[in-house]
Amino acid sequence: AYEAFLLVIAYWVAPWLGVVLVERWLQGRTATDEELAARLSDRSFTNRPGLAALVTGIAVSVPLFSNQEDYVGYVPKHWPSFGDITPVVGFVVSAGLYAVLRRAKSQLPSTGSA
């Protein structure tokens, strides 16, 4: 039961970590220290691409790759040698999708007056 609990935690932590690490990597390359500091106190800042990538990573990885006692996804059911690679798939899907969405968002013209 404890091992199953830890796996379920990993199912959302891995995609979240994919988004966080890509954001840090892109921030260090595209934003100044002043911009990053201002973003921390800006309550209007939202990260919809991050949320979309996180949810997509979980939605793709859990149904397809989960290998639990109560639920076995499509891939482990048909190819048991893969095992439970849900966290790896969630990380890769979320990180890749977030990188694409974040770059697309940064290329849109700004609509603010500041």
PDB file of N, CA and C in Angstrom:
ATOM      1  N   ALA A   1       0.827  -1.190   0.000  1.00  0.00           N
ATOM      2  CA  ALA A   1       0.000   0.000   0.000  1.00  0.00           C
ATOM      3  C   ALA A   1       0.876   1.260   0.000  1.00  0.00           C
ATOM      4  N   TYR A   2       1.941   1.252   0.786  1.00  0.00           N
ATOM      5  CA  TYR A   2       2.823   2.422   0.840  1.00  0.00           C
ATOM      6  C   TYR A   2       3.538   2.624  -0.494  1.00  0.00           C
ATOM      7  N   GLU A   3       3.964   1.533  -1.120  1.00  0.00           N
ATOM      8  CA  GLU A   3       4.631   1.629  -2.421  1.00  0.00           C
ATOM      9  C   GLU A   3       3.673   2.182  -3.475  1.00  0.00           C
ATOM     10  N   ALA A   4       2.420   1.749  -3.440  1.00  0.00           N
ATOM     11  CA  ALA A   4       1.420   2.267  -4.377  1.00  0.00           C
ATOM     12  C   ALA A   4       1.204   3.762  -4.147  1.00  0.00           C
ATOM     13  N   PHE A   5       1.182   4.177  -2.882  1.00  0.00           N
ATOM     14  CA  PHE A   5       1.035   5.593  -2.561  1.00  0.00           C
ATOM     15  C   PHE A   5       2.199   6.407  -3.134  1.00  0.00           C
ATOM     16  N   LEU A   6       3.412   5.915  -2.972  1.00  0.00           N
ATOM     17  CA  LEU A   6       4.578   6.621  -3.502  1.00  0.00           C
ATOM     18  C   LEU A   6       4.544   6.701  -5.025  1.00  0.00           C
ATOM     19  N   LEU A   7       4.084   5.650  -5.673  1.00  0.00           N
ATOM     20  CA  LEU A   7       3.972   5.687  -7.132  1.00  0.00           C
ATOM     21  C   LEU A   7       2.944   6.715  -7.581  1.00  0.00           C
ATOM     22  N   VAL A   8       1.823   6.792  -6.879  1.00  0.00           N
ATOM     23  CA  VAL A   8       0.802   7.781  -7.229  1.00  0.00           C
ATOM     24  C   VAL A   8       1.348   9.193  -7.043  1.00  0.00           C
ATOM     25  N   ILE A   9       2.117   9.423  -6.003  1.00  0.00           N
ATOM     26  CA  ILE A   9       2.752  10.731  -5.811  1.00  0.00           C
ATOM     27  C   ILE A   9       3.688  11.028  -6.980  1.00  0.00           C
ATOM     28  N   ALA A  10       4.453  10.042  -7.405  1.00  0.00           N
ATOM     29  CA  ALA A  10       5.386  10.231  -8.525  1.00  0.00           C
ATOM     30  C   ALA A  10       4.648  10.521  -9.825  1.00  0.00           C
ATOM     31  N   TYR A  11       3.409  10.065  -9.944  1.00  0.00           N
ATOM     32  CA  TYR A  11       2.642  10.283 -11.173  1.00  0.00           C
ATOM     33  C   TYR A  11       2.369  11.758 -11.419  1.00  0.00           C
ATOM     34  N   TRP A  12       2.239  12.574 -10.375  1.00  0.00           N
ATOM     35  CA  TRP A  12       2.044  14.003 -10.606  1.00  0.00           C
ATOM     36  C   TRP A  12       3.312  14.809 -10.351  1.00  0.00           C
ATOM     37  N   VAL A  13       4.219  14.314  -9.515  1.00  0.00           N
ATOM     38  CA  VAL A  13       5.451  15.056  -9.242  1.00  0.00           C
ATOM     39  C   VAL A  13       6.347  15.099 -10.478  1.00  0.00           C
ATOM     40  N   ALA A  14       6.457  14.006 -11.199  1.00  0.00           N
ATOM     41  CA  ALA A  14       7.344  13.971 -12.368  1.00  0.00           C
ATOM     42  C   ALA A  14       6.906  14.966 -13.452  1.00  0.00           C
ATOM     43  N   PRO A  15       5.623  15.027 -13.845  1.00  0.00           N
ATOM     44  CA  PRO A  15       5.224  16.058 -14.812  1.00  0.00           C
ATOM     45  C   PRO A  15       5.406  17.477 -14.273  1.00  0.00           C
ATOM     46  N   TRP A  16       5.126  17.675 -12.989  1.00  0.00           N
ATOM     47  CA  TRP A  16       5.322  18.996 -12.386  1.00  0.00           C
ATOM     48  C   TRP A  16       6.793  19.394 -12.458  1.00  0.00           C
ATOM     49  N   LEU A  17       7.661  18.455 -12.142  1.00  0.00           N
ATOM     50  CA  LEU A  17       9.093  18.730 -12.190  1.00  0.00           C
ATOM     51  C   LEU A  17       9.552  19.037 -13.614  1.00  0.00           C
ATOM     52  N   GLY A  18       8.974  18.362 -14.597  1.00  0.00           N
ATOM     53  CA  GLY A  18       9.298  18.662 -15.995  1.00  0.00           C
ATOM     54  C   GLY A  18       8.981  20.109 -16.342  1.00  0.00           C
ATOM     55  N   VAL A  19       7.825  20.590 -15.897  1.00  0.00           N
ATOM     56  CA  VAL A  19       7.431  21.982 -16.155  1.00  0.00           C
ATOM     57  C   VAL A  19       8.358  22.944 -15.418  1.00  0.00           C
ATOM     58  N   VAL A  20       8.638  22.667 -14.154  1.00  0.00           N
ATOM     59  CA  VAL A  20       9.474  23.559 -13.345  1.00  0.00           C
ATOM     60  C   VAL A  20      10.890  23.659 -13.909  1.00  0.00           C
ATOM     61  N   LEU A  21      11.477  22.540 -14.276  1.00  0.00           N
ATOM     62  CA  LEU A  21      12.854  22.572 -14.790  1.00  0.00           C
ATOM     63  C   LEU A  21      12.949  23.273 -16.138  1.00  0.00           C
ATOM     64  N   VAL A  22      11.977  23.059 -17.008  1.00  0.00           N
ATOM     65  CA  VAL A  22      11.990  23.770 -18.294  1.00  0.00           C
ATOM     66  C   VAL A  22      11.803  25.268 -18.071  1.00  0.00           C
ATOM     67  N   GLU A  23      10.921  25.633 -17.152  1.00  0.00           N
ATOM     68  CA  GLU A  23      10.717  27.061 -16.850  1.00  0.00           C
ATOM     69  C   GLU A  23      12.004  27.699 -16.340  1.00  0.00           C
ATOM     70  N   ARG A  24      12.689  27.032 -15.432  1.00  0.00           N
ATOM     71  CA  ARG A  24      13.958  27.572 -14.917  1.00  0.00           C
ATOM     72  C   ARG A  24      14.989  27.689 -16.030  1.00  0.00           C
ATOM     73  N   TRP A  25      15.058  26.704 -16.883  1.00  0.00           N
ATOM     74  CA  TRP A  25      16.018  26.726 -17.986  1.00  0.00           C
ATOM     75  C   TRP A  25      15.707  27.873 -18.944  1.00  0.00           C
ATOM     76  N   LEU A  26      14.433  28.057 -19.282  1.00  0.00           N
ATOM     77  CA  LEU A  26      14.058  29.134 -20.198  1.00  0.00           C
ATOM     78  C   LEU A  26      14.161  30.499 -19.533  1.00  0.00           C
ATOM     79  N   GLN A  27      13.845  30.599 -18.238  1.00  0.00           N
ATOM     80  CA  GLN A  27      13.957  31.878 -17.533  1.00  0.00           C
ATOM     81  C   GLN A  27      15.389  32.372 -17.528  1.00  0.00           C
ATOM     82  N   GLY A  28      16.301  31.488 -17.252  1.00  0.00           N
ATOM     83  CA  GLY A  28      17.706  31.875 -17.186  1.00  0.00           C
ATOM     84  C   GLY A  28      18.236  32.377 -18.513  1.00  0.00           C
ATOM     85  N   ARG A  29      17.587  32.001 -19.587  1.00  0.00           N
ATOM     86  CA  ARG A  29      18.049  32.401 -20.912  1.00  0.00           C
ATOM     87  C   ARG A  29      17.299  33.605 -21.459  1.00  0.00           C
ATOM     88  N   THR A  30      16.088  33.891 -20.953  1.00  0.00           N
ATOM     89  CA  THR A  30      15.267  34.918 -21.587  1.00  0.00           C
ATOM     90  C   THR A  30      14.905  36.097 -20.694  1.00  0.00           C
ATOM     91  N   ALA A  31      15.038  35.984 -19.389  1.00  0.00           N
ATOM     92  CA  ALA A  31      14.586  37.048 -18.493  1.00  0.00           C
ATOM     93  C   ALA A  31      15.751  37.590 -17.671  1.00  0.00           C
ATOM     94  N   THR A  32      15.682  38.895 -17.418  1.00  0.00           N
ATOM     95  CA  THR A  32      16.683  39.506 -16.549  1.00  0.00           C
ATOM     96  C   THR A  32      16.308  39.239 -15.095  1.00  0.00           C
ATOM     97  N   ASP A  33      17.241  39.482 -14.194  1.00  0.00           N
ATOM     98  CA  ASP A  33      16.967  39.294 -12.770  1.00  0.00           C
ATOM     99  C   ASP A  33      15.833  40.199 -12.296  1.00  0.00           C
ATOM    100  N   GLU A  34      15.761  41.405 -12.828  1.00  0.00           N
ATOM    101  CA  GLU A  34      14.702  42.334 -12.442  1.00  0.00           C
ATOM    102  C   GLU A  34      13.335  41.816 -12.884  1.00  0.00           C
ATOM    103  N   GLU A  35      13.264  41.255 -14.096  1.00  0.00           N
ATOM    104  CA  GLU A  35      11.997  40.703 -14.585  1.00  0.00           C
ATOM    105  C   GLU A  35      11.550  39.515 -13.739  1.00  0.00           C
ATOM    106  N   LEU A  36      12.488  38.673 -13.362  1.00  0.00           N
ATOM    107  CA  LEU A  36      12.147  37.520 -12.529  1.00  0.00           C
ATOM    108  C   LEU A  36      11.670  37.955 -11.150  1.00  0.00           C
ATOM    109  N   ALA A  37      12.329  38.951 -10.561  1.00  0.00           N
ATOM    110  CA  ALA A  37      11.925  39.454  -9.248  1.00  0.00           C
ATOM    111  C   ALA A  37      10.536  40.097  -9.318  1.00  0.00           C
ATOM    112  N   ALA A  38      10.262  40.834 -10.394  1.00  0.00           N
ATOM    113  CA  ALA A  38       8.953  41.465 -10.548  1.00  0.00           C
ATOM    114  C   ALA A  38       7.857  40.416 -10.723  1.00  0.00           C
ATOM    115  N   ARG A  39       8.165  39.323 -11.397  1.00  0.00           N
ATOM    116  CA  ARG A  39       7.174  38.270 -11.624  1.00  0.00           C
ATOM    117  C   ARG A  39       6.755  37.603 -10.313  1.00  0.00           C
ATOM    118  N   LEU A  40       7.668  37.531  -9.347  1.00  0.00           N
ATOM    119  CA  LEU A  40       7.339  36.906  -8.063  1.00  0.00           C
ATOM    120  C   LEU A  40       6.256  37.662  -7.309  1.00  0.00           C
ATOM    121  N   SER A  41       6.236  38.985  -7.433  1.00  0.00           N
ATOM    122  CA  SER A  41       5.251  39.781  -6.704  1.00  0.00           C
ATOM    123  C   SER A  41       4.045  40.166  -7.561  1.00  0.00           C
ATOM    124  N   ASP A  42       4.022  39.777  -8.820  1.00  0.00           N
ATOM    125  CA  ASP A  42       2.932  40.121  -9.732  1.00  0.00           C
ATOM    126  C   ASP A  42       1.798  39.105  -9.592  1.00  0.00           C
ATOM    127  N   ARG A  43       0.706  39.518  -8.961  1.00  0.00           N
ATOM    128  CA  ARG A  43      -0.419  38.606  -8.742  1.00  0.00           C
ATOM    129  C   ARG A  43      -1.190  38.330 -10.028  1.00  0.00           C
ATOM    130  N   SER A  44      -0.998  39.132 -11.056  1.00  0.00           N
ATOM    131  CA  SER A  44      -1.721  38.907 -12.308  1.00  0.00           C
ATOM    132  C   SER A  44      -1.017  37.888 -13.203  1.00  0.00           C
ATOM    133  N   PHE A  45       0.196  37.482 -12.836  1.00  0.00           N
ATOM    134  CA  PHE A  45       0.937  36.512 -13.652  1.00  0.00           C
ATOM    135  C   PHE A  45       0.274  35.139 -13.573  1.00  0.00           C
ATOM    136  N   THR A  46       0.015  34.550 -14.709  1.00  0.00           N
ATOM    137  CA  THR A  46      -0.518  33.187 -14.770  1.00  0.00           C
ATOM    138  C   THR A  46       0.364  32.363 -15.692  1.00  0.00           C
ATOM    139  N   ASN A  47       0.359  31.088 -15.457  1.00  0.00           N
ATOM    140  CA  ASN A  47       1.161  30.197 -16.281  1.00  0.00           C
ATOM    141  C   ASN A  47       0.257  29.113 -16.857  1.00  0.00           C
ATOM    142  N   ARG A  48      -0.622  29.514 -17.749  1.00  0.00           N
ATOM    143  CA  ARG A  48      -1.549  28.558 -18.354  1.00  0.00           C
ATOM    144  C   ARG A  48      -0.835  27.484 -19.168  1.00  0.00           C
ATOM    145  N   PRO A  49       0.237  27.810 -19.889  1.00  0.00           N
ATOM    146  CA  PRO A  49       0.959  26.726 -20.584  1.00  0.00           C
ATOM    147  C   PRO A  49       1.507  25.680 -19.614  1.00  0.00           C
ATOM    148  N   GLY A  50       1.940  26.112 -18.439  1.00  0.00           N
ATOM    149  CA  GLY A  50       2.445  25.170 -17.445  1.00  0.00           C
ATOM    150  C   GLY A  50       1.359  24.235 -16.943  1.00  0.00           C
ATOM    151  N   LEU A  51       0.197  24.785 -16.662  1.00  0.00           N
ATOM    152  CA  LEU A  51      -0.920  23.964 -16.201  1.00  0.00           C
ATOM    153  C   LEU A  51      -1.372  23.002 -17.296  1.00  0.00           C
ATOM    154  N   ALA A  52      -1.447  23.493 -18.529  1.00  0.00           N
ATOM    155  CA  ALA A  52      -1.849  22.629 -19.647  1.00  0.00           C
ATOM    156  C   ALA A  52      -0.855  21.489 -19.846  1.00  0.00           C
ATOM    157  N   ALA A  53       0.431  21.788 -19.747  1.00  0.00           N
ATOM    158  CA  ALA A  53       1.451  20.748 -19.916  1.00  0.00           C
ATOM    159  C   ALA A  53       1.400  19.739 -18.776  1.00  0.00           C
ATOM    160  N   LEU A  54       1.189  20.202 -17.556  1.00  0.00           N
ATOM    161  CA  LEU A  54       1.092  19.308 -16.396  1.00  0.00           C
ATOM    162  C   LEU A  54      -0.087  18.348 -16.538  1.00  0.00           C
ATOM    163  N   VAL A  55      -1.260  18.887 -16.842  1.00  0.00           N
ATOM    164  CA  VAL A  55      -2.459  18.057 -16.974  1.00  0.00           C
ATOM    165  C   VAL A  55      -2.318  17.082 -18.144  1.00  0.00           C
ATOM    166  N   THR A  56      -1.760  17.542 -19.251  1.00  0.00           N
ATOM    167  CA  THR A  56      -1.564  16.662 -20.404  1.00  0.00           C
ATOM    168  C   THR A  56      -0.582  15.547 -20.083  1.00  0.00           C
ATOM    169  N   GLY A  57       0.498  15.875 -19.396  1.00  0.00           N
ATOM    170  CA  GLY A  57       1.473  14.852 -19.021  1.00  0.00           C
ATOM    171  C   GLY A  57       0.864  13.768 -18.156  1.00  0.00           C
ATOM    172  N   ILE A  58       0.027  14.172 -17.203  1.00  0.00           N
ATOM    173  CA  ILE A  58      -0.645  13.199 -16.340  1.00  0.00           C
ATOM    174  C   ILE A  58      -1.678  12.402 -17.139  1.00  0.00           C
ATOM    175  N   ALA A  59      -2.454  13.096 -17.973  1.00  0.00           N
ATOM    176  CA  ALA A  59      -3.512  12.432 -18.741  1.00  0.00           C
ATOM    177  C   ALA A  59      -2.964  11.434 -19.754  1.00  0.00           C
ATOM    178  N   VAL A  60      -1.780  11.679 -20.274  1.00  0.00           N
ATOM    179  CA  VAL A  60      -1.176  10.747 -21.232  1.00  0.00           C
ATOM    180  C   VAL A  60      -0.487   9.604 -20.507  1.00  0.00           C
ATOM    181  N   SER A  61       0.256   9.912 -19.465  1.00  0.00           N
ATOM    182  CA  SER A  61       1.102   8.887 -18.844  1.00  0.00           C
ATOM    183  C   SER A  61       0.336   7.891 -17.982  1.00  0.00           C
ATOM    184  N   VAL A  62      -0.607   8.346 -17.193  1.00  0.00           N
ATOM    185  CA  VAL A  62      -1.273   7.432 -16.255  1.00  0.00           C
ATOM    186  C   VAL A  62      -2.127   6.383 -16.968  1.00  0.00           C
ATOM    187  N   PRO A  63      -3.043   6.749 -17.865  1.00  0.00           N
ATOM    188  CA  PRO A  63      -3.851   5.700 -18.502  1.00  0.00           C
ATOM    189  C   PRO A  63      -3.043   4.748 -19.386  1.00  0.00           C
ATOM    190  N   LEU A  64      -1.979   5.234 -19.985  1.00  0.00           N
ATOM    191  CA  LEU A  64      -1.225   4.393 -20.915  1.00  0.00           C
ATOM    192  C   LEU A  64      -0.121   3.584 -20.257  1.00  0.00           C
ATOM    193  N   PHE A  65       0.531   4.103 -19.223  1.00  0.00           N
ATOM    194  CA  PHE A  65       1.753   3.477 -18.720  1.00  0.00           C
ATOM    195  C   PHE A  65       1.704   3.033 -17.262  1.00  0.00           C
ATOM    196  N   SER A  66       0.624   3.303 -16.542  1.00  0.00           N
ATOM    197  CA  SER A  66       0.538   2.935 -15.130  1.00  0.00           C
ATOM    198  C   SER A  66       0.536   1.420 -14.955  1.00  0.00           C
ATOM    199  N   ASN A  67       1.219   0.958 -13.913  1.00  0.00           N
ATOM    200  CA  ASN A  67       1.283  -0.477 -13.637  1.00  0.00           C
ATOM    201  C   ASN A  67       1.118  -0.691 -12.134  1.00  0.00           C
ATOM    202  N   GLN A  68      -0.125  -0.628 -11.677  1.00  0.00           N
ATOM    203  CA  GLN A  68      -0.466  -0.796 -10.265  1.00  0.00           C
ATOM    204  C   GLN A  68      -1.198  -2.120 -10.069  1.00  0.00           C
ATOM    205  N   GLU A  69      -1.440  -2.466  -8.824  1.00  0.00           N
ATOM    206  CA  GLU A  69      -2.218  -3.678  -8.541  1.00  0.00           C
ATOM    207  C   GLU A  69      -3.658  -3.540  -9.025  1.00  0.00           C
ATOM    208  N   ASP A  70      -4.261  -2.376  -8.789  1.00  0.00           N
ATOM    209  CA  ASP A  70      -5.664  -2.166  -9.140  1.00  0.00           C
ATOM    210  C   ASP A  70      -5.871  -1.727 -10.583  1.00  0.00           C
ATOM    211  N   TYR A  71      -4.870  -1.146 -11.198  1.00  0.00           N
ATOM    212  CA  TYR A  71      -5.022  -0.653 -12.564  1.00  0.00           C
ATOM    213  C   TYR A  71      -3.721  -0.867 -13.324  1.00  0.00           C
ATOM    214  N   VAL A  72      -3.847  -1.440 -14.501  1.00  0.00           N
ATOM    215  CA  VAL A  72      -2.695  -1.637 -15.384  1.00  0.00           C
ATOM    216  C   VAL A  72      -3.019  -0.941 -16.696  1.00  0.00           C
ATOM    217  N   GLY A  73      -2.146  -0.019 -17.101  1.00  0.00           N
ATOM    218  CA  GLY A  73      -2.350   0.728 -18.329  1.00  0.00           C
ATOM    219  C   GLY A  73      -2.154  -0.124 -19.568  1.00  0.00           C
ATOM    220  N   TYR A  74      -2.409   0.494 -20.701  1.00  0.00           N
ATOM    221  CA  TYR A  74      -2.363  -0.208 -21.983  1.00  0.00           C
ATOM    222  C   TYR A  74      -0.985  -0.796 -22.280  1.00  0.00           C
ATOM    223  N   VAL A  75       0.055  -0.021 -22.134  1.00  0.00           N
ATOM    224  CA  VAL A  75       1.408  -0.483 -22.490  1.00  0.00           C
ATOM    225  C   VAL A  75       1.881  -1.617 -21.577  1.00  0.00           C
ATOM    226  N   PRO A  76       1.823  -1.497 -20.249  1.00  0.00           N
ATOM    227  CA  PRO A  76       2.264  -2.625 -19.415  1.00  0.00           C
ATOM    228  C   PRO A  76       1.394  -3.876 -19.573  1.00  0.00           C
ATOM    229  N   LYS A  77       0.124  -3.678 -19.910  1.00  0.00           N
ATOM    230  CA  LYS A  77      -0.753  -4.830 -20.100  1.00  0.00           C
ATOM    231  C   LYS A  77      -0.313  -5.647 -21.320  1.00  0.00           C
ATOM    232  N   HIS A  78       0.080  -4.965 -22.392  1.00  0.00           N
ATOM    233  CA  HIS A  78       0.465  -5.648 -23.626  1.00  0.00           C
ATOM    234  C   HIS A  78       1.961  -5.944 -23.709  1.00  0.00           C
ATOM    235  N   TRP A  79       2.775  -5.148 -23.049  1.00  0.00           N
ATOM    236  CA  TRP A  79       4.236  -5.341 -23.039  1.00  0.00           C
ATOM    237  C   TRP A  79       4.729  -5.212 -21.599  1.00  0.00           C
ATOM    238  N   PRO A  80       4.587  -6.272 -20.797  1.00  0.00           N
ATOM    239  CA  PRO A  80       4.939  -6.204 -19.372  1.00  0.00           C
ATOM    240  C   PRO A  80       6.403  -5.869 -19.108  1.00  0.00           C
ATOM    241  N   SER A  81       7.266  -6.077 -20.071  1.00  0.00           N
ATOM    242  CA  SER A  81       8.687  -5.800 -19.843  1.00  0.00           C
ATOM    243  C   SER A  81       8.969  -4.313 -19.626  1.00  0.00           C
ATOM    244  N   PHE A  82       8.055  -3.440 -20.038  1.00  0.00           N
ATOM    245  CA  PHE A  82       8.249  -2.005 -19.816  1.00  0.00           C
ATOM    246  C   PHE A  82       8.146  -1.643 -18.341  1.00  0.00           C
ATOM    247  N   GLY A  83       7.312  -2.340 -17.599  1.00  0.00           N
ATOM    248  CA  GLY A  83       7.125  -2.002 -16.196  1.00  0.00           C
ATOM    249  C   GLY A  83       6.350  -0.703 -16.049  1.00  0.00           C
ATOM    250  N   ASP A  84       6.537  -0.035 -14.932  1.00  0.00           N
ATOM    251  CA  ASP A  84       5.836   1.215 -14.653  1.00  0.00           C
ATOM    252  C   ASP A  84       6.754   2.386 -14.991  1.00  0.00           C
ATOM    253  N   ILE A  85       6.602   2.906 -16.193  1.00  0.00           N
ATOM    254  CA  ILE A  85       7.422   4.048 -16.626  1.00  0.00           C
ATOM    255  C   ILE A  85       6.595   5.329 -16.654  1.00  0.00           C
ATOM    256  N   THR A  86       5.499   5.339 -15.905  1.00  0.00           N
ATOM    257  CA  THR A  86       4.614   6.499 -15.875  1.00  0.00           C
ATOM    258  C   THR A  86       5.337   7.794 -15.511  1.00  0.00           C
ATOM    259  N   PRO A  87       6.163   7.831 -14.453  1.00  0.00           N
ATOM    260  CA  PRO A  87       6.842   9.093 -14.127  1.00  0.00           C
ATOM    261  C   PRO A  87       7.763   9.580 -15.245  1.00  0.00           C
ATOM    262  N   VAL A  88       8.451   8.677 -15.893  1.00  0.00           N
ATOM    263  CA  VAL A  88       9.366   9.073 -16.974  1.00  0.00           C
ATOM    264  C   VAL A  88       8.577   9.656 -18.142  1.00  0.00           C
ATOM    265  N   VAL A  89       7.509   8.983 -18.534  1.00  0.00           N
ATOM    266  CA  VAL A  89       6.686   9.465 -19.645  1.00  0.00           C
ATOM    267  C   VAL A  89       6.034  10.794 -19.282  1.00  0.00           C
ATOM    268  N   GLY A  90       5.516  10.909 -18.066  1.00  0.00           N
ATOM    269  CA  GLY A  90       4.906  12.165 -17.631  1.00  0.00           C
ATOM    270  C   GLY A  90       5.891  13.318 -17.648  1.00  0.00           C
ATOM    271  N   PHE A  91       7.118  13.065 -17.190  1.00  0.00           N
ATOM    272  CA  PHE A  91       8.154  14.096 -17.199  1.00  0.00           C
ATOM    273  C   PHE A  91       8.467  14.534 -18.626  1.00  0.00           C
ATOM    274  N   VAL A  92       8.693  13.577 -19.509  1.00  0.00           N
ATOM    275  CA  VAL A  92       9.080  13.890 -20.892  1.00  0.00           C
ATOM    276  C   VAL A  92       7.954  14.612 -21.629  1.00  0.00           C
ATOM    277  N   VAL A  93       6.726  14.118 -21.501  1.00  0.00           N
ATOM    278  CA  VAL A  93       5.590  14.748 -22.185  1.00  0.00           C
ATOM    279  C   VAL A  93       5.377  16.168 -21.671  1.00  0.00           C
ATOM    280  N   SER A  94       5.363  16.343 -20.358  1.00  0.00           N
ATOM    281  CA  SER A  94       5.134  17.675 -19.785  1.00  0.00           C
ATOM    282  C   SER A  94       6.255  18.648 -20.127  1.00  0.00           C
ATOM    283  N   ALA A  95       7.491  18.205 -20.000  1.00  0.00           N
ATOM    284  CA  ALA A  95       8.625  19.085 -20.298  1.00  0.00           C
ATOM    285  C   ALA A  95       8.630  19.476 -21.771  1.00  0.00           C
ATOM    286  N   GLY A  96       8.430  18.514 -22.646  1.00  0.00           N
ATOM    287  CA  GLY A  96       8.427  18.812 -24.082  1.00  0.00           C
ATOM    288  C   GLY A  96       7.287  19.720 -24.481  1.00  0.00           C
ATOM    289  N   LEU A  97       6.085  19.417 -23.999  1.00  0.00           N
ATOM    290  CA  LEU A  97       4.927  20.240 -24.337  1.00  0.00           C
ATOM    291  C   LEU A  97       5.065  21.639 -23.756  1.00  0.00           C
ATOM    292  N   TYR A  98       5.559  21.748 -22.534  1.00  0.00           N
ATOM    293  CA  TYR A  98       5.716  23.069 -21.928  1.00  0.00           C
ATOM    294  C   TYR A  98       6.737  23.911 -22.686  1.00  0.00           C
ATOM    295  N   ALA A  99       7.825  23.298 -23.118  1.00  0.00           N
ATOM    296  CA  ALA A  99       8.824  24.044 -23.894  1.00  0.00           C
ATOM    297  C   ALA A  99       8.198  24.604 -25.166  1.00  0.00           C
ATOM    298  N   VAL A 100       7.390  23.803 -25.841  1.00  0.00           N
ATOM    299  CA  VAL A 100       6.733  24.256 -27.076  1.00  0.00           C
ATOM    300  C   VAL A 100       5.715  25.352 -26.778  1.00  0.00           C
ATOM    301  N   LEU A 101       4.859  25.134 -25.782  1.00  0.00           N
ATOM    302  CA  LEU A 101       3.832  26.128 -25.452  1.00  0.00           C
ATOM    303  C   LEU A 101       4.441  27.422 -24.935  1.00  0.00           C
ATOM    304  N   ARG A 102       5.473  27.328 -24.146  1.00  0.00           N
ATOM    305  CA  ARG A 102       6.118  28.523 -23.582  1.00  0.00           C
ATOM    306  C   ARG A 102       6.768  29.356 -24.671  1.00  0.00           C
ATOM    307  N   ARG A 103       7.422  28.692 -25.611  1.00  0.00           N
ATOM    308  CA  ARG A 103       8.041  29.439 -26.718  1.00  0.00           C
ATOM    309  C   ARG A 103       6.983  30.064 -27.608  1.00  0.00           C
ATOM    310  N   ALA A 104       5.887  29.349 -27.842  1.00  0.00           N
ATOM    311  CA  ALA A 104       4.802  29.907 -28.654  1.00  0.00           C
ATOM    312  C   ALA A 104       4.191  31.119 -27.959  1.00  0.00           C
ATOM    313  N   LYS A 105       4.015  31.038 -26.637  1.00  0.00           N
ATOM    314  CA  LYS A 105       3.454  32.157 -25.877  1.00  0.00           C
ATOM    315  C   LYS A 105       4.396  33.357 -25.901  1.00  0.00           C
ATOM    316  N   SER A 106       5.693  33.117 -25.811  1.00  0.00           N
ATOM    317  CA  SER A 106       6.642  34.231 -25.787  1.00  0.00           C
ATOM    318  C   SER A 106       6.756  34.911 -27.146  1.00  0.00           C
ATOM    319  N   GLN A 107       6.337  34.240 -28.210  1.00  0.00           N
ATOM    320  CA  GLN A 107       6.408  34.840 -29.541  1.00  0.00           C
ATOM    321  C   GLN A 107       5.151  35.617 -29.901  1.00  0.00           C
ATOM    322  N   LEU A 108       4.097  35.505 -29.073  1.00  0.00           N
ATOM    323  CA  LEU A 108       2.887  36.280 -29.311  1.00  0.00           C
ATOM    324  C   LEU A 108       3.147  37.741 -28.976  1.00  0.00           C
ATOM    325  N   PRO A 109       2.515  38.672 -29.704  1.00  0.00           N
ATOM    326  CA  PRO A 109       2.712  40.088 -29.374  1.00  0.00           C
ATOM    327  C   PRO A 109       2.097  40.419 -28.021  1.00  0.00           C
ATOM    328  N   SER A 110       2.772  41.264 -27.268  1.00  0.00           N
ATOM    329  CA  SER A 110       2.303  41.667 -25.945  1.00  0.00           C
ATOM    330  C   SER A 110       1.128  42.619 -26.086  1.00  0.00           C
ATOM    331  N   THR A 111       0.103  42.449 -25.229  1.00  0.00           N
ATOM    332  CA  THR A 111      -1.077  43.307 -25.293  1.00  0.00           C
ATOM    333  C   THR A 111      -1.176  44.241 -24.098  1.00  0.00           C
ATOM    334  N   GLY A 112      -0.128  44.317 -23.292  1.00  0.00           N
ATOM    335  CA  GLY A 112      -0.141  45.181 -22.110  1.00  0.00           C
ATOM    336  C   GLY A 112       0.369  46.571 -22.433  1.00  0.00           C
ATOM    337  N   SER A 113       0.073  47.527 -21.551  1.00  0.00           N
ATOM    338  CA  SER A 113       0.529  48.894 -21.757  1.00  0.00           C
ATOM    339  C   SER A 113       1.789  49.197 -20.970  1.00  0.00           C
ATOM    340  N   ALA A 114       2.285  48.248 -20.206  1.00  0.00           N
ATOM    341  CA  ALA A 114       3.471  48.499 -19.390  1.00  0.00           C
ATOM    342  C   ALA A 114       4.684  47.906 -19.962  1.00  0.00           C
TER     343      ALA A 114
END
